[in-house]
Amino acid sequence: MNDVYSNWGFKSSPFEPAALPPKETSAKLVVGRDKEISALAKRILNRPKCAWGEGPNGLGKTSLVNVTAYKLMIEYFRTGEGPFNIPCLRPFQLKPDQDPESFQTTVLIEVAQTLIGFARSLAEYGRVVPDTKHIERWLNSPSFNQLQGNLVLAGFGAGIGGSASVNLSRGFVESGLRQQVL
């Protein structure tokens, strides 16, 4: 990163293209693309459920997909009809040096985080919401808690303390993540 941007308080260059997230503000920012959004929505809603876009980096392909997916989700919330689509909050792509299992884990974690993130919206629209508290706690508060105590003799009191450390083990990720998300 250029030091000029950090001196101005930015974490990175404000001029790098970034996809618009699947949110209401993004839907308001994408103007003049109704034809493309409609065509993409039809491809997503009908068989075969395969939609693609091609073009140079920074053209707005991911933003268009995110806004379309967001609009489909809001339409379902509003009407309760048709298939239920939830846009993932973070894009991901299989990399040449990534094994399929780790990619699958990445996708499952993102699906879980997306469901957790939109659970409140589902409830606001009166839709049935699965209980996400246990998986949210499992994914976002993965820590080992440790209780410590000591006793001092000769007239002095006892002390109890504790600590927590983040669980980064493979077992955490692999111990039922797939079953929990599905």
C-alpha atoms as a PDB file:
ATOM      1  CA  MET A   1       0.000   0.000   0.000  1.00  0.00           C
ATOM      2  CA  ASN A   2       1.137   3.485  -0.756  1.00  0.00           C
ATOM      3  CA  ASP A   3       2.041   5.433   2.402  1.00  0.00           C
ATOM      4  CA  VAL A   4      -0.006   8.398   1.146  1.00  0.00           C
ATOM      5  CA  TYR A   5      -3.243   6.435   1.635  1.00  0.00           C
ATOM      6  CA  SER A   6      -2.288   5.278   5.121  1.00  0.00           C
ATOM      7  CA  ASN A   7      -1.390   8.870   6.030  1.00  0.00           C
ATOM      8  CA  TRP A   8      -4.914   9.842   4.976  1.00  0.00           C
ATOM      9  CA  GLY A   9      -6.392   7.149   7.220  1.00  0.00           C
ATOM     10  CA  PHE A  10      -7.187   4.537   4.550  1.00  0.00           C
ATOM     11  CA  LYS A  11      -6.355   0.850   4.993  1.00  0.00           C
ATOM     12  CA  SER A  12      -5.857   0.436   1.237  1.00  0.00           C
ATOM     13  CA  SER A  13      -6.142   2.438  -1.947  1.00  0.00           C
ATOM     14  CA  PRO A  14      -9.657   3.864  -2.255  1.00  0.00           C
ATOM     15  CA  PHE A  15      -9.339   3.558  -6.035  1.00  0.00           C
ATOM     16  CA  GLU A  16      -9.138  -0.235  -6.267  1.00  0.00           C
ATOM     17  CA  PRO A  17     -12.254  -1.742  -7.814  1.00  0.00           C
ATOM     18  CA  ALA A  18     -14.304  -3.746  -5.340  1.00  0.00           C
ATOM     19  CA  ALA A  19     -17.563  -5.571  -5.874  1.00  0.00           C
ATOM     20  CA  LEU A  20     -20.675  -4.092  -4.333  1.00  0.00           C
ATOM     21  CA  PRO A  21     -21.982  -6.311  -1.530  1.00  0.00           C
ATOM     22  CA  PRO A  22     -25.470  -7.864  -1.663  1.00  0.00           C
ATOM     23  CA  LYS A  23     -27.223  -5.058   0.233  1.00  0.00           C
ATOM     24  CA  GLU A  24     -29.957  -2.496  -0.291  1.00  0.00           C
ATOM     25  CA  THR A  25     -27.492   0.361  -0.791  1.00  0.00           C
ATOM     26  CA  SER A  26     -25.787  -1.607  -3.574  1.00  0.00           C
ATOM     27  CA  ALA A  27     -29.121  -2.213  -5.298  1.00  0.00           C
ATOM     28  CA  LYS A  28     -29.692   1.550  -5.251  1.00  0.00           C
ATOM     29  CA  LEU A  29     -26.232   2.206  -6.707  1.00  0.00           C
ATOM     30  CA  VAL A  30     -26.646  -0.097  -9.708  1.00  0.00           C
ATOM     31  CA  VAL A  31     -28.666   1.998 -12.149  1.00  0.00           C
ATOM     32  CA  GLY A  32     -29.415   1.414 -15.800  1.00  0.00           C
ATOM     33  CA  ARG A  33     -28.807  -2.339 -15.565  1.00  0.00           C
ATOM     34  CA  ASP A  34     -32.427  -3.526 -15.193  1.00  0.00           C
ATOM     35  CA  LYS A  35     -32.248  -5.549 -18.420  1.00  0.00           C
ATOM     36  CA  GLU A  36     -29.127  -7.414 -17.264  1.00  0.00           C
ATOM     37  CA  ILE A  37     -30.525  -7.965 -13.754  1.00  0.00           C
ATOM     38  CA  SER A  38     -33.758  -9.347 -15.182  1.00  0.00           C
ATOM     39  CA  ALA A  39     -31.938 -11.700 -17.571  1.00  0.00           C
ATOM     40  CA  LEU A  40     -29.633 -12.926 -14.806  1.00  0.00           C
ATOM     41  CA  ALA A  41     -32.550 -13.456 -12.410  1.00  0.00           C
ATOM     42  CA  LYS A  42     -34.330 -15.584 -15.041  1.00  0.00           C
ATOM     43  CA  ARG A  43     -31.209 -17.720 -15.461  1.00  0.00           C
ATOM     44  CA  ILE A  44     -30.889 -18.197 -11.710  1.00  0.00           C
ATOM     45  CA  LEU A  45     -34.571 -19.056 -11.215  1.00  0.00           C
ATOM     46  CA  ASN A  46     -34.930 -21.483 -14.148  1.00  0.00           C
ATOM     47  CA  ARG A  47     -33.226 -24.692 -15.157  1.00  0.00           C
ATOM     48  CA  PRO A  48     -30.446 -25.166 -15.780  1.00  0.00           C
ATOM     49  CA  LYS A  49     -29.393 -23.001 -12.848  1.00  0.00           C
ATOM     50  CA  CYS A  50     -26.209 -21.925 -14.522  1.00  0.00           C
ATOM     51  CA  ALA A  51     -25.428 -18.288 -15.091  1.00  0.00           C
ATOM     52  CA  TRP A  52     -22.135 -16.798 -16.097  1.00  0.00           C
ATOM     53  CA  GLY A  53     -20.619 -13.486 -17.020  1.00  0.00           C
ATOM     54  CA  GLU A  54     -17.399 -12.636 -18.698  1.00  0.00           C
ATOM     55  CA  GLY A  55     -15.416  -9.503 -19.179  1.00  0.00           C
ATOM     56  CA  PRO A  56     -12.384  -7.645 -17.888  1.00  0.00           C
ATOM     57  CA  ASN A  57     -11.702  -7.165 -14.178  1.00  0.00           C
ATOM     58  CA  GLY A  58     -13.522  -4.254 -12.590  1.00  0.00           C
ATOM     59  CA  LEU A  59     -16.380  -4.238 -15.094  1.00  0.00           C
ATOM     60  CA  GLY A  60     -19.019  -4.968 -12.440  1.00  0.00           C
ATOM     61  CA  LYS A  61     -19.812  -8.665 -12.992  1.00  0.00           C
ATOM     62  CA  THR A  62     -19.709  -9.608  -9.303  1.00  0.00           C
ATOM     63  CA  SER A  63     -21.620  -6.463  -8.325  1.00  0.00           C
ATOM     64  CA  LEU A  64     -24.348  -7.360 -10.833  1.00  0.00           C
ATOM     65  CA  VAL A  65     -24.573 -10.909  -9.451  1.00  0.00           C
ATOM     66  CA  ASN A  66     -24.669  -9.636  -5.861  1.00  0.00           C
ATOM     67  CA  VAL A  67     -27.411  -7.083  -6.588  1.00  0.00           C
ATOM     68  CA  THR A  68     -29.458  -9.638  -8.546  1.00  0.00           C
ATOM     69  CA  ALA A  69     -29.170 -12.205  -5.748  1.00  0.00           C
ATOM     70  CA  TYR A  70     -30.104  -9.567  -3.183  1.00  0.00           C
ATOM     71  CA  LYS A  71     -33.172  -8.539  -5.189  1.00  0.00           C
ATOM     72  CA  LEU A  72     -34.255 -12.184  -5.539  1.00  0.00           C
ATOM     73  CA  MET A  73     -33.925 -12.644  -1.788  1.00  0.00           C
ATOM     74  CA  ILE A  74     -35.951  -9.509  -1.030  1.00  0.00           C
ATOM     75  CA  GLU A  75     -38.637 -10.599  -3.506  1.00  0.00           C
ATOM     76  CA  TYR A  76     -38.906 -13.937  -1.688  1.00  0.00           C
ATOM     77  CA  PHE A  77     -39.086 -12.175   1.679  1.00  0.00           C
ATOM     78  CA  ARG A  78     -41.852  -9.945   0.335  1.00  0.00           C
ATOM     79  CA  THR A  79     -43.966 -12.633  -1.377  1.00  0.00           C
ATOM     80  CA  GLY A  80     -42.870 -15.955   0.109  1.00  0.00           C
ATOM     81  CA  GLU A  81     -43.124 -17.417  -3.387  1.00  0.00           C
ATOM     82  CA  GLY A  82     -40.595 -19.175  -5.588  1.00  0.00           C
ATOM     83  CA  PRO A  83     -37.215 -20.549  -4.653  1.00  0.00           C
ATOM     84  CA  PHE A  84     -35.377 -18.988  -1.755  1.00  0.00           C
ATOM     85  CA  ASN A  85     -32.018 -17.497  -2.745  1.00  0.00           C
ATOM     86  CA  ILE A  86     -29.569 -15.999  -0.281  1.00  0.00           C
ATOM     87  CA  PRO A  87     -26.545 -14.165  -1.656  1.00  0.00           C
ATOM     88  CA  CYS A  88     -23.263 -15.097   0.004  1.00  0.00           C
ATOM     89  CA  LEU A  89     -21.708 -12.140   1.724  1.00  0.00           C
ATOM     90  CA  ARG A  90     -18.217 -12.963   0.472  1.00  0.00           C
ATOM     91  CA  PRO A  91     -17.207 -14.270  -2.950  1.00  0.00           C
ATOM     92  CA  PHE A  92     -14.845 -17.220  -3.190  1.00  0.00           C
ATOM     93  CA  GLN A  93     -13.068 -19.028  -5.976  1.00  0.00           C
ATOM     94  CA  LEU A  94     -11.203 -22.317  -6.219  1.00  0.00           C
ATOM     95  CA  LYS A  95      -7.507 -21.558  -6.601  1.00  0.00           C
ATOM     96  CA  PRO A  96      -5.101 -23.786  -8.540  1.00  0.00           C
ATOM     97  CA  ASP A  97      -3.078 -24.649  -5.416  1.00  0.00           C
ATOM     98  CA  GLN A  98      -6.155 -25.330  -3.228  1.00  0.00           C
ATOM     99  CA  ASP A  99      -7.376 -28.860  -2.589  1.00  0.00           C
ATOM    100  CA  PRO A 100     -11.111 -29.579  -3.004  1.00  0.00           C
ATOM    101  CA  GLU A 101     -11.624 -30.376   0.692  1.00  0.00           C
ATOM    102  CA  SER A 102     -10.305 -27.019   1.894  1.00  0.00           C
ATOM    103  CA  PHE A 103     -12.366 -25.247  -0.778  1.00  0.00           C
ATOM    104  CA  GLN A 104     -15.464 -27.127   0.401  1.00  0.00           C
ATOM    105  CA  THR A 105     -14.721 -26.082   3.987  1.00  0.00           C
ATOM    106  CA  THR A 106     -14.375 -22.456   2.851  1.00  0.00           C
ATOM    107  CA  VAL A 107     -17.733 -22.643   1.053  1.00  0.00           C
ATOM    108  CA  LEU A 108     -19.497 -24.301   4.018  1.00  0.00           C
ATOM    109  CA  ILE A 109     -18.165 -21.729   6.471  1.00  0.00           C
ATOM    110  CA  GLU A 110     -19.312 -18.916   4.180  1.00  0.00           C
ATOM    111  CA  VAL A 111     -22.749 -20.486   3.744  1.00  0.00           C
ATOM    112  CA  ALA A 112     -23.066 -20.732   7.530  1.00  0.00           C
ATOM    113  CA  GLN A 113     -21.939 -17.113   8.032  1.00  0.00           C
ATOM    114  CA  THR A 114     -24.399 -15.977   5.346  1.00  0.00           C
ATOM    115  CA  LEU A 115     -27.311 -17.811   6.961  1.00  0.00           C
ATOM    116  CA  ILE A 116     -26.368 -16.346  10.325  1.00  0.00           C
ATOM    117  CA  GLY A 117     -26.092 -12.877   8.793  1.00  0.00           C
ATOM    118  CA  PHE A 118     -29.529 -13.012   7.152  1.00  0.00           C
ATOM    119  CA  ALA A 119     -31.385 -14.772   9.997  1.00  0.00           C
ATOM    120  CA  ARG A 120     -32.626 -11.452  11.402  1.00  0.00           C
ATOM    121  CA  SER A 121     -33.871 -10.335   7.963  1.00  0.00           C
ATOM    122  CA  LEU A 122     -35.806 -13.583   7.580  1.00  0.00           C
ATOM    123  CA  ALA A 123     -37.488 -13.040  10.929  1.00  0.00           C
ATOM    124  CA  GLU A 124     -38.310  -9.408  10.097  1.00  0.00           C
ATOM    125  CA  TYR A 125     -40.204 -10.603   7.018  1.00  0.00           C
ATOM    126  CA  GLY A 126     -42.095 -13.174   9.094  1.00  0.00           C
ATOM    127  CA  ARG A 127     -40.268 -16.191   7.665  1.00  0.00           C
ATOM    128  CA  VAL A 128     -39.367 -19.295   9.645  1.00  0.00           C
ATOM    129  CA  VAL A 129     -35.820 -18.985  10.918  1.00  0.00           C
ATOM    130  CA  PRO A 130     -33.758 -21.984  11.951  1.00  0.00           C
ATOM    131  CA  ASP A 131     -31.970 -21.599  15.267  1.00  0.00           C
ATOM    132  CA  THR A 132     -28.517 -20.346  14.321  1.00  0.00           C
ATOM    133  CA  LYS A 133     -27.252 -19.501  17.818  1.00  0.00           C
ATOM    134  CA  HIS A 134     -25.415 -22.787  18.337  1.00  0.00           C
ATOM    135  CA  ILE A 135     -23.604 -22.692  14.992  1.00  0.00           C
ATOM    136  CA  GLU A 136     -22.858 -18.978  15.365  1.00  0.00           C
ATOM    137  CA  ARG A 137     -21.318 -19.617  18.762  1.00  0.00           C
ATOM    138  CA  TRP A 138     -19.423 -22.599  17.340  1.00  0.00           C
ATOM    139  CA  LEU A 139     -18.048 -20.676  14.332  1.00  0.00           C
ATOM    140  CA  ASN A 140     -17.537 -17.223  15.785  1.00  0.00           C
ATOM    141  CA  SER A 141     -16.567 -17.940  19.381  1.00  0.00           C
ATOM    142  CA  PRO A 142     -14.356 -20.977  19.004  1.00  0.00           C
ATOM    143  CA  SER A 143     -12.271 -20.914  22.166  1.00  0.00           C
ATOM    144  CA  PHE A 144     -10.968 -23.125  24.876  1.00  0.00           C
ATOM    145  CA  ASN A 145     -11.850 -21.832  28.323  1.00  0.00           C
ATOM    146  CA  GLN A 146      -9.484 -22.619  31.119  1.00  0.00           C
ATOM    147  CA  LEU A 147     -10.147 -22.091  34.825  1.00  0.00           C
ATOM    148  CA  GLN A 148      -7.211 -21.623  37.135  1.00  0.00           C
ATOM    149  CA  GLY A 149      -7.098 -21.409  40.875  1.00  0.00           C
ATOM    150  CA  ASN A 150      -4.522 -21.122  43.604  1.00  0.00           C
ATOM    151  CA  LEU A 151      -4.495 -21.198  47.363  1.00  0.00           C
ATOM    152  CA  VAL A 152      -1.965 -19.351  49.442  1.00  0.00           C
ATOM    153  CA  LEU A 153      -1.354 -20.417  53.041  1.00  0.00           C
ATOM    154  CA  ALA A 154      -0.179 -18.442  56.065  1.00  0.00           C
ATOM    155  CA  GLY A 155      -3.244 -16.274  56.387  1.00  0.00           C
ATOM    156  CA  PHE A 156      -3.536 -15.047  52.833  1.00  0.00           C
ATOM    157  CA  GLY A 157      -6.554 -15.672  50.581  1.00  0.00           C
ATOM    158  CA  ALA A 158      -7.163 -17.793  47.531  1.00  0.00           C
ATOM    159  CA  GLY A 159      -7.396 -16.544  43.954  1.00  0.00           C
ATOM    160  CA  ILE A 160      -9.312 -17.845  40.952  1.00  0.00           C
ATOM    161  CA  GLY A 161      -8.673 -16.739  37.418  1.00  0.00           C
ATOM    162  CA  GLY A 162      -9.221 -17.933  33.906  1.00  0.00           C
ATOM    163  CA  SER A 163      -8.293 -17.459  30.314  1.00  0.00           C
ATOM    164  CA  ALA A 164      -9.573 -18.268  26.863  1.00  0.00           C
ATOM    165  CA  SER A 165      -7.661 -19.048  23.712  1.00  0.00           C
ATOM    166  CA  VAL A 166      -8.879 -19.364  20.148  1.00  0.00           C
ATOM    167  CA  ASN A 167      -9.417 -22.885  18.876  1.00  0.00           C
ATOM    168  CA  LEU A 168      -7.498 -23.085  15.584  1.00  0.00           C
ATOM    169  CA  SER A 169      -7.279 -26.859  15.351  1.00  0.00           C
ATOM    170  CA  ARG A 170      -8.265 -28.784  12.221  1.00  0.00           C
ATOM    171  CA  GLY A 171     -10.573 -30.816  14.419  1.00  0.00           C
ATOM    172  CA  PHE A 172     -12.650 -27.716  15.106  1.00  0.00           C
ATOM    173  CA  VAL A 173     -13.259 -27.173  11.405  1.00  0.00           C
ATOM    174  CA  GLU A 174     -13.701 -30.844  10.570  1.00  0.00           C
ATOM    175  CA  SER A 175     -15.767 -31.983  13.567  1.00  0.00           C
ATOM    176  CA  GLY A 176     -19.209 -31.749  12.108  1.00  0.00           C
ATOM    177  CA  LEU A 177     -19.031 -28.490  10.165  1.00  0.00           C
ATOM    178  CA  ARG A 178     -20.700 -30.088   7.148  1.00  0.00           C
ATOM    179  CA  GLN A 179     -23.525 -31.601   9.208  1.00  0.00           C
ATOM    180  CA  GLN A 180     -24.107 -28.372  11.139  1.00  0.00           C
ATOM    181  CA  VAL A 181     -24.336 -26.248   7.988  1.00  0.00           C
ATOM    182  CA  LEU A 182     -26.505 -28.677   6.058  1.00  0.00           C
END
